[in-house]
Amino acid sequence: MVFIDSDGKLHHIRVGRGDLPSRVLLPGSRSRVKLIQRFLDNSKILADERQLVVVGSYRGVDVAAVDTGMGPSSAAIVVREVIEAVDYKNGYAVLIRPGTCGSLQQGVIAGDLVISTGVIAQECVSRKIIGEGFPLVPDPEVVDALRNACLELGVRFHMGLTHSKDALYEVEEPETSINPDEAKKNLEYLKRIGVLCTEMELSVILALASRYNLSGRKIKAGGIFLVISDGVEKEDVLVEVALRALVSL
């Protein structure tokens, strides 16, 4: 069940069922949706209230971009409504999160891209969607498409496990947590087991895709991240890789 207003629009993203094409990018911020729009032909804004919803075409393929907002709770609301709004005339939908992340490994440096092959979820929302301990694994076709796009563009990238959290500062800066020793141990654990980076929304996107797939939908989902730091601005590369992967599927 989702909330539908009297005008037939989904309550939060303000579009109707079937209004979105089957290929959607899900960045966390409105500014990245605006950046994506600059890459699109025949683009238009479908909604600009709570979320910014843009549609257009890339290389002749219809696509959409919707900002999920920051964090798993916001993403859970928005992505569920996006899944309900997609036109499934192709028989399936593709959801890709182009996001930013913080590195957890010395060799993963600012400006690199990271393709998730699996998510360690340390937030409480995904388990409410799909259950405790459910493996959150991107669709292998999405992973391959992202890898191929990186190779085509000749960009530096990594593939491996990523981490999703529900608190930014309290995880990445343990001293801000009420239990700094515990937070520090957790961060060191993630680094020790080889997790490449940490972000906040992919776990929920994968959980929702899996939940809907159980009900008979076919949703292919995945994510790619730009490692950020002060002075590193390569979001255009992130967007181009995500778009190339999206339209290849």
C-alpha atoms as a PDB file:
ATOM      1  CA  MET A   1       0.000   0.000   0.000  1.00  0.00           C
ATOM      2  CA  VAL A   2       1.137   3.518  -0.807  1.00  0.00           C
ATOM      3  CA  PHE A   3      -0.570   6.847  -0.239  1.00  0.00           C
ATOM      4  CA  ILE A   4      -2.451   8.131  -3.298  1.00  0.00           C
ATOM      5  CA  ASP A   5      -3.894  11.648  -3.228  1.00  0.00           C
ATOM      6  CA  SER A   6      -7.322  12.524  -4.582  1.00  0.00           C
ATOM      7  CA  ASP A   7      -5.748  13.646  -7.867  1.00  0.00           C
ATOM      8  CA  GLY A   8      -4.283  10.191  -8.432  1.00  0.00           C
ATOM      9  CA  LYS A   9      -0.718  11.207  -7.624  1.00  0.00           C
ATOM     10  CA  LEU A  10       1.571   9.307  -5.272  1.00  0.00           C
ATOM     11  CA  HIS A  11       1.663  11.453  -2.153  1.00  0.00           C
ATOM     12  CA  HIS A  12       5.384  12.213  -1.832  1.00  0.00           C
ATOM     13  CA  ILE A  13       6.809  12.121  -5.356  1.00  0.00           C
ATOM     14  CA  ARG A  14       3.650  13.631  -6.918  1.00  0.00           C
ATOM     15  CA  VAL A  15       3.456  11.522 -10.072  1.00  0.00           C
ATOM     16  CA  GLY A  16       0.936   8.870 -11.024  1.00  0.00           C
ATOM     17  CA  ARG A  17       1.288   5.156 -11.600  1.00  0.00           C
ATOM     18  CA  GLY A  18       2.926   4.518 -14.969  1.00  0.00           C
ATOM     19  CA  ASP A  19       4.275   8.070 -15.249  1.00  0.00           C
ATOM     20  CA  LEU A  20       7.937   7.056 -14.968  1.00  0.00           C
ATOM     21  CA  PRO A  21       9.966   5.125 -17.551  1.00  0.00           C
ATOM     22  CA  SER A  22      11.393   1.769 -16.574  1.00  0.00           C
ATOM     23  CA  ARG A  23      14.940   3.062 -16.046  1.00  0.00           C
ATOM     24  CA  VAL A  24      15.481   5.359 -13.070  1.00  0.00           C
ATOM     25  CA  LEU A  25      18.488   6.965 -11.388  1.00  0.00           C
ATOM     26  CA  LEU A  26      18.102   7.517  -7.638  1.00  0.00           C
ATOM     27  CA  PRO A  27      20.634  10.061  -6.346  1.00  0.00           C
ATOM     28  CA  GLY A  28      20.287  11.369  -2.828  1.00  0.00           C
ATOM     29  CA  SER A  29      20.236  15.068  -3.676  1.00  0.00           C
ATOM     30  CA  ARG A  30      18.190  17.442  -5.800  1.00  0.00           C
ATOM     31  CA  SER A  31      21.403  19.029  -7.078  1.00  0.00           C
ATOM     32  CA  ARG A  32      22.461  15.706  -8.614  1.00  0.00           C
ATOM     33  CA  VAL A  33      19.072  15.324 -10.286  1.00  0.00           C
ATOM     34  CA  LYS A  34      19.660  18.748 -11.850  1.00  0.00           C
ATOM     35  CA  LEU A  35      23.097  17.585 -12.994  1.00  0.00           C
ATOM     36  CA  ILE A  36      21.586  14.446 -14.521  1.00  0.00           C
ATOM     37  CA  GLN A  37      19.046  16.596 -16.342  1.00  0.00           C
ATOM     38  CA  ARG A  38      21.867  18.403 -18.152  1.00  0.00           C
ATOM     39  CA  PHE A  39      22.843  15.085 -19.781  1.00  0.00           C
ATOM     40  CA  LEU A  40      19.309  14.359 -21.036  1.00  0.00           C
ATOM     41  CA  ASP A  41      17.543  15.205 -24.275  1.00  0.00           C
ATOM     42  CA  ASN A  42      13.945  16.444 -24.248  1.00  0.00           C
ATOM     43  CA  SER A  43      13.998  16.656 -20.465  1.00  0.00           C
ATOM     44  CA  LYS A  44      11.174  17.988 -18.350  1.00  0.00           C
ATOM     45  CA  ILE A  45      10.333  18.267 -14.669  1.00  0.00           C
ATOM     46  CA  LEU A  46       7.348  16.139 -13.663  1.00  0.00           C
ATOM     47  CA  ALA A  47       7.323  17.184 -10.022  1.00  0.00           C
ATOM     48  CA  ASP A  48       9.205  19.619  -7.801  1.00  0.00           C
ATOM     49  CA  GLU A  49       7.541  19.594  -4.400  1.00  0.00           C
ATOM     50  CA  ARG A  50       9.023  17.243  -1.830  1.00  0.00           C
ATOM     51  CA  GLN A  51      11.169  15.475  -4.428  1.00  0.00           C
ATOM     52  CA  LEU A  52      12.532  16.603  -7.779  1.00  0.00           C
ATOM     53  CA  VAL A  53      11.373  14.245 -10.542  1.00  0.00           C
ATOM     54  CA  VAL A  54      12.882  14.632 -14.027  1.00  0.00           C
ATOM     55  CA  VAL A  55      12.327  12.595 -17.177  1.00  0.00           C
ATOM     56  CA  GLY A  56      14.092  12.691 -20.529  1.00  0.00           C
ATOM     57  CA  SER A  57      16.125  10.511 -22.860  1.00  0.00           C
ATOM     58  CA  TYR A  58      19.749   9.452 -22.999  1.00  0.00           C
ATOM     59  CA  ARG A  59      21.094   7.868 -26.167  1.00  0.00           C
ATOM     60  CA  GLY A  60      17.522   7.523 -27.340  1.00  0.00           C
ATOM     61  CA  VAL A  61      16.322   5.646 -24.229  1.00  0.00           C
ATOM     62  CA  ASP A  62      13.726   7.097 -21.856  1.00  0.00           C
ATOM     63  CA  VAL A  63      15.020   7.575 -18.306  1.00  0.00           C
ATOM     64  CA  ALA A  64      14.050   9.321 -15.092  1.00  0.00           C
ATOM     65  CA  ALA A  65      15.882  10.760 -12.103  1.00  0.00           C
ATOM     66  CA  VAL A  66      14.359  11.170  -8.651  1.00  0.00           C
ATOM     67  CA  ASP A  67      16.119  12.360  -5.505  1.00  0.00           C
ATOM     68  CA  THR A  68      15.628  10.054  -2.545  1.00  0.00           C
ATOM     69  CA  GLY A  69      16.645  12.557   0.107  1.00  0.00           C
ATOM     70  CA  MET A  70      19.295  11.733   2.681  1.00  0.00           C
ATOM     71  CA  GLY A  71      19.253   8.566   4.715  1.00  0.00           C
ATOM     72  CA  PRO A  72      17.443   5.224   4.688  1.00  0.00           C
ATOM     73  CA  SER A  73      14.123   6.473   6.088  1.00  0.00           C
ATOM     74  CA  SER A  74      13.642   9.044   3.336  1.00  0.00           C
ATOM     75  CA  ALA A  75      14.827   6.599   0.660  1.00  0.00           C
ATOM     76  CA  ALA A  76      12.349   3.959   1.855  1.00  0.00           C
ATOM     77  CA  ILE A  77       9.417   6.304   1.228  1.00  0.00           C
ATOM     78  CA  VAL A  78      10.587   7.690  -2.093  1.00  0.00           C
ATOM     79  CA  VAL A  79      11.848   4.473  -3.679  1.00  0.00           C
ATOM     80  CA  ARG A  80       8.685   2.566  -2.804  1.00  0.00           C
ATOM     81  CA  GLU A  81       6.651   5.233  -4.596  1.00  0.00           C
ATOM     82  CA  VAL A  82       9.079   5.239  -7.543  1.00  0.00           C
ATOM     83  CA  ILE A  83       8.588   1.468  -7.909  1.00  0.00           C
ATOM     84  CA  GLU A  84       4.826   2.023  -7.913  1.00  0.00           C
ATOM     85  CA  ALA A  85       5.148   4.829 -10.514  1.00  0.00           C
ATOM     86  CA  VAL A  86       7.286   2.941 -13.039  1.00  0.00           C
ATOM     87  CA  ASP A  87       5.782   1.800 -16.340  1.00  0.00           C
ATOM     88  CA  TYR A  88       6.550  -1.936 -16.603  1.00  0.00           C
ATOM     89  CA  LYS A  89       5.756  -2.276 -20.319  1.00  0.00           C
ATOM     90  CA  ASN A  90       9.291  -3.670 -20.823  1.00  0.00           C
ATOM     91  CA  GLY A  91       8.568  -6.292 -18.188  1.00  0.00           C
ATOM     92  CA  TYR A  92      11.102  -4.982 -15.702  1.00  0.00           C
ATOM     93  CA  ALA A  93      12.546  -1.849 -14.102  1.00  0.00           C
ATOM     94  CA  VAL A  94      16.152  -0.777 -13.503  1.00  0.00           C
ATOM     95  CA  LEU A  95      17.045   1.314 -10.456  1.00  0.00           C
ATOM     96  CA  ILE A  96      20.590   2.636 -10.044  1.00  0.00           C
ATOM     97  CA  ARG A  97      21.801   4.822  -7.205  1.00  0.00           C
ATOM     98  CA  PRO A  98      24.605   7.198  -8.239  1.00  0.00           C
ATOM     99  CA  GLY A  99      25.771   8.483  -4.861  1.00  0.00           C
ATOM    100  CA  THR A 100      28.706   9.735  -2.876  1.00  0.00           C
ATOM    101  CA  CYS A 101      30.563   7.869  -0.169  1.00  0.00           C
ATOM    102  CA  GLY A 102      33.366   7.942   2.342  1.00  0.00           C
ATOM    103  CA  SER A 103      36.309   5.617   1.767  1.00  0.00           C
ATOM    104  CA  LEU A 104      37.142   2.866   4.241  1.00  0.00           C
ATOM    105  CA  GLN A 105      40.332   1.682   2.524  1.00  0.00           C
ATOM    106  CA  GLN A 106      43.649   3.437   1.856  1.00  0.00           C
ATOM    107  CA  GLY A 107      43.652   2.415  -1.789  1.00  0.00           C
ATOM    108  CA  VAL A 108      40.190   3.839  -2.402  1.00  0.00           C
ATOM    109  CA  ILE A 109      40.912   7.522  -2.826  1.00  0.00           C
ATOM    110  CA  ALA A 110      38.952  10.696  -3.460  1.00  0.00           C
ATOM    111  CA  GLY A 111      37.719  10.817  -7.046  1.00  0.00           C
ATOM    112  CA  ASP A 112      37.542   7.025  -7.440  1.00  0.00           C
ATOM    113  CA  LEU A 113      34.283   5.256  -8.217  1.00  0.00           C
ATOM    114  CA  VAL A 114      33.053   2.254  -6.239  1.00  0.00           C
ATOM    115  CA  ILE A 115      30.617  -0.320  -7.638  1.00  0.00           C
ATOM    116  CA  SER A 116      28.796  -2.211  -4.906  1.00  0.00           C
ATOM    117  CA  THR A 117      28.704  -6.008  -5.173  1.00  0.00           C
ATOM    118  CA  GLY A 118      27.000  -6.433  -1.801  1.00  0.00           C
ATOM    119  CA  VAL A 119      25.935  -4.325   1.165  1.00  0.00           C
ATOM    120  CA  ILE A 120      26.561  -4.613   4.882  1.00  0.00           C
ATOM    121  CA  ALA A 121      23.492  -2.892   6.310  1.00  0.00           C
ATOM    122  CA  GLN A 122      23.878  -1.221   9.680  1.00  0.00           C
ATOM    123  CA  GLU A 123      20.570   0.604   9.649  1.00  0.00           C
ATOM    124  CA  CYS A 124      17.154  -0.492  10.849  1.00  0.00           C
ATOM    125  CA  VAL A 125      14.976   0.297   7.823  1.00  0.00           C
ATOM    126  CA  SER A 126      15.963  -2.454   5.385  1.00  0.00           C
ATOM    127  CA  ARG A 127      15.239  -5.182   7.949  1.00  0.00           C
ATOM    128  CA  LYS A 128      11.701  -3.773   8.365  1.00  0.00           C
ATOM    129  CA  ILE A 129      11.247  -4.100   4.598  1.00  0.00           C
ATOM    130  CA  ILE A 130      12.718  -7.544   3.879  1.00  0.00           C
ATOM    131  CA  GLY A 131      13.622  -9.083   7.246  1.00  0.00           C
ATOM    132  CA  GLU A 132      16.638  -9.668   9.460  1.00  0.00           C
ATOM    133  CA  GLY A 133      19.703 -11.136   7.773  1.00  0.00           C
ATOM    134  CA  PHE A 134      18.397 -11.003   4.191  1.00  0.00           C
ATOM    135  CA  PRO A 135      21.358 -10.698   1.778  1.00  0.00           C
ATOM    136  CA  LEU A 136      21.353  -7.315   0.059  1.00  0.00           C
ATOM    137  CA  VAL A 137      23.043  -7.999  -3.267  1.00  0.00           C
ATOM    138  CA  PRO A 138      22.863  -5.803  -6.386  1.00  0.00           C
ATOM    139  CA  ASP A 139      21.592  -7.391  -9.572  1.00  0.00           C
ATOM    140  CA  PRO A 140      24.596  -8.927 -11.392  1.00  0.00           C
ATOM    141  CA  GLU A 141      23.501  -7.404 -14.701  1.00  0.00           C
ATOM    142  CA  VAL A 142      23.578  -3.948 -13.122  1.00  0.00           C
ATOM    143  CA  VAL A 143      27.025  -4.619 -11.654  1.00  0.00           C
ATOM    144  CA  ASP A 144      28.325  -5.727 -15.067  1.00  0.00           C
ATOM    145  CA  ALA A 145      26.775  -2.712 -16.799  1.00  0.00           C
ATOM    146  CA  LEU A 146      28.394  -0.305 -14.339  1.00  0.00           C
ATOM    147  CA  ARG A 147      31.743  -2.031 -14.737  1.00  0.00           C
ATOM    148  CA  ASN A 148      31.518  -1.868 -18.524  1.00  0.00           C
ATOM    149  CA  ALA A 149      30.629   1.835 -18.417  1.00  0.00           C
ATOM    150  CA  CYS A 150      33.657   2.549 -16.217  1.00  0.00           C
ATOM    151  CA  LEU A 151      35.907   0.656 -18.626  1.00  0.00           C
ATOM    152  CA  GLU A 152      34.457   2.505 -21.633  1.00  0.00           C
ATOM    153  CA  LEU A 153      35.175   5.865 -20.035  1.00  0.00           C
ATOM    154  CA  GLY A 154      38.563   4.831 -18.679  1.00  0.00           C
ATOM    155  CA  VAL A 155      37.813   5.910 -15.123  1.00  0.00           C
ATOM    156  CA  ARG A 156      39.430   4.522 -11.990  1.00  0.00           C
ATOM    157  CA  PHE A 157      37.019   2.272 -10.102  1.00  0.00           C
ATOM    158  CA  HIS A 158      36.759  -0.489  -7.504  1.00  0.00           C
ATOM    159  CA  MET A 159      34.263  -3.313  -6.995  1.00  0.00           C
ATOM    160  CA  GLY A 160      33.362  -4.895  -3.684  1.00  0.00           C
ATOM    161  CA  LEU A 161      31.382  -4.712  -0.476  1.00  0.00           C
ATOM    162  CA  THR A 162      29.908  -1.399   0.620  1.00  0.00           C
ATOM    163  CA  HIS A 163      28.301  -0.257   3.863  1.00  0.00           C
ATOM    164  CA  SER A 164      24.988   1.488   4.509  1.00  0.00           C
ATOM    165  CA  LYS A 165      24.353   3.374   7.736  1.00  0.00           C
ATOM    166  CA  ASP A 166      21.628   5.459   9.341  1.00  0.00           C
ATOM    167  CA  ALA A 167      23.869   8.080  10.973  1.00  0.00           C
ATOM    168  CA  LEU A 168      26.621   9.992   9.209  1.00  0.00           C
ATOM    169  CA  TYR A 169      28.783  11.680  11.818  1.00  0.00           C
ATOM    170  CA  GLU A 170      28.259   9.074  14.524  1.00  0.00           C
ATOM    171  CA  VAL A 171      29.656   6.349  12.248  1.00  0.00           C
ATOM    172  CA  GLU A 172      32.368   8.167  10.315  1.00  0.00           C
ATOM    173  CA  GLU A 173      33.486  10.276  13.292  1.00  0.00           C
ATOM    174  CA  PRO A 174      33.175   7.960  16.309  1.00  0.00           C
ATOM    175  CA  GLU A 175      33.947  10.720  18.804  1.00  0.00           C
ATOM    176  CA  THR A 176      30.541  12.254  18.023  1.00  0.00           C
ATOM    177  CA  SER A 177      28.724   9.082  19.136  1.00  0.00           C
ATOM    178  CA  ILE A 178      27.369   8.620  22.652  1.00  0.00           C
ATOM    179  CA  ASN A 179      29.469   5.404  22.689  1.00  0.00           C
ATOM    180  CA  PRO A 180      32.680   6.486  20.921  1.00  0.00           C
ATOM    181  CA  ASP A 181      34.657   3.346  21.808  1.00  0.00           C
ATOM    182  CA  GLU A 182      31.984   1.081  20.355  1.00  0.00           C
ATOM    183  CA  ALA A 183      31.653   3.269  17.240  1.00  0.00           C
ATOM    184  CA  LYS A 184      35.425   3.243  16.731  1.00  0.00           C
ATOM    185  CA  LYS A 185      35.574  -0.551  17.026  1.00  0.00           C
ATOM    186  CA  ASN A 186      32.787  -0.887  14.460  1.00  0.00           C
ATOM    187  CA  LEU A 187      34.566   1.400  11.995  1.00  0.00           C
ATOM    188  CA  GLU A 188      37.810  -0.523  12.443  1.00  0.00           C
ATOM    189  CA  TYR A 189      35.936  -3.802  11.928  1.00  0.00           C
ATOM    190  CA  LEU A 190      34.475  -2.603   8.621  1.00  0.00           C
ATOM    191  CA  LYS A 191      37.920  -1.589   7.417  1.00  0.00           C
ATOM    192  CA  ARG A 192      39.503  -4.861   8.562  1.00  0.00           C
ATOM    193  CA  ILE A 193      37.042  -7.055   6.666  1.00  0.00           C
ATOM    194  CA  GLY A 194      37.656  -5.093   3.466  1.00  0.00           C
ATOM    195  CA  VAL A 195      34.521  -2.986   3.066  1.00  0.00           C
ATOM    196  CA  LEU A 196      35.375  -0.357   0.457  1.00  0.00           C
ATOM    197  CA  CYS A 197      33.179   2.573   1.427  1.00  0.00           C
ATOM    198  CA  THR A 198      30.225   3.774   3.459  1.00  0.00           C
ATOM    199  CA  GLU A 199      27.032   5.554   2.365  1.00  0.00           C
ATOM    200  CA  MET A 200      23.395   5.718   3.468  1.00  0.00           C
ATOM    201  CA  GLU A 201      20.758   4.573   0.977  1.00  0.00           C
ATOM    202  CA  LEU A 202      21.660   1.562  -1.177  1.00  0.00           C
ATOM    203  CA  SER A 203      20.648  -1.047   1.387  1.00  0.00           C
ATOM    204  CA  VAL A 204      17.069   0.235   1.350  1.00  0.00           C
ATOM    205  CA  ILE A 205      16.912   0.346  -2.459  1.00  0.00           C
ATOM    206  CA  LEU A 206      18.069  -3.276  -2.640  1.00  0.00           C
ATOM    207  CA  ALA A 207      15.681  -4.338   0.118  1.00  0.00           C
ATOM    208  CA  LEU A 208      12.713  -2.770  -1.678  1.00  0.00           C
ATOM    209  CA  ALA A 209      13.734  -4.281  -5.015  1.00  0.00           C
ATOM    210  CA  SER A 210      13.957  -7.714  -3.380  1.00  0.00           C
ATOM    211  CA  ARG A 211      10.615  -7.290  -1.621  1.00  0.00           C
ATOM    212  CA  TYR A 212       8.831  -6.325  -4.823  1.00  0.00           C
ATOM    213  CA  ASN A 213      10.567  -9.122  -6.744  1.00  0.00           C
ATOM    214  CA  LEU A 214       9.080 -11.566  -4.235  1.00  0.00           C
ATOM    215  CA  SER A 215       5.630 -10.296  -5.206  1.00  0.00           C
ATOM    216  CA  GLY A 216       6.213 -10.917  -8.894  1.00  0.00           C
ATOM    217  CA  ARG A 217       7.779  -7.685 -10.130  1.00  0.00           C
ATOM    218  CA  LYS A 218      11.142  -7.734 -11.903  1.00  0.00           C
ATOM    219  CA  ILE A 219      13.405  -4.984 -10.594  1.00  0.00           C
ATOM    220  CA  LYS A 220      17.133  -4.840 -11.243  1.00  0.00           C
ATOM    221  CA  ALA A 221      18.913  -2.582  -8.765  1.00  0.00           C
ATOM    222  CA  GLY A 222      22.443  -1.520  -7.927  1.00  0.00           C
ATOM    223  CA  GLY A 223      24.654   1.380  -6.967  1.00  0.00           C
ATOM    224  CA  ILE A 224      27.837   3.224  -7.806  1.00  0.00           C
ATOM    225  CA  PHE A 225      29.527   5.812  -5.624  1.00  0.00           C
ATOM    226  CA  LEU A 226      31.979   8.655  -5.956  1.00  0.00           C
ATOM    227  CA  VAL A 227      34.521   8.849  -3.151  1.00  0.00           C
ATOM    228  CA  ILE A 228      34.477  12.454  -2.013  1.00  0.00           C
ATOM    229  CA  SER A 229      36.656  14.854  -0.082  1.00  0.00           C
ATOM    230  CA  ASP A 230      37.176  18.601  -0.058  1.00  0.00           C
ATOM    231  CA  GLY A 231      38.185  19.880  -3.472  1.00  0.00           C
ATOM    232  CA  VAL A 232      37.199  16.757  -5.444  1.00  0.00           C
ATOM    233  CA  GLU A 233      34.456  17.446  -7.983  1.00  0.00           C
ATOM    234  CA  LYS A 234      33.834  14.546 -10.382  1.00  0.00           C
ATOM    235  CA  GLU A 235      30.088  14.140 -10.166  1.00  0.00           C
ATOM    236  CA  ASP A 236      29.759  14.525 -13.933  1.00  0.00           C
ATOM    237  CA  VAL A 237      31.797  11.325 -14.379  1.00  0.00           C
ATOM    238  CA  LEU A 238      29.629   9.521 -11.816  1.00  0.00           C
ATOM    239  CA  VAL A 239      26.479  10.590 -13.648  1.00  0.00           C
ATOM    240  CA  GLU A 240      27.781   9.639 -17.086  1.00  0.00           C
ATOM    241  CA  VAL A 241      28.804   6.169 -15.919  1.00  0.00           C
ATOM    242  CA  ALA A 242      25.405   5.631 -14.258  1.00  0.00           C
ATOM    243  CA  LEU A 243      23.501   6.793 -17.346  1.00  0.00           C
ATOM    244  CA  ARG A 244      25.514   4.615 -19.713  1.00  0.00           C
ATOM    245  CA  ALA A 245      24.890   1.586 -17.506  1.00  0.00           C
ATOM    246  CA  LEU A 246      21.196   2.415 -17.106  1.00  0.00           C
ATOM    247  CA  VAL A 247      20.400   2.582 -20.819  1.00  0.00           C
ATOM    248  CA  SER A 248      22.398  -0.573 -21.599  1.00  0.00           C
ATOM    249  CA  LEU A 249      20.028  -2.715 -19.542  1.00  0.00           C
END
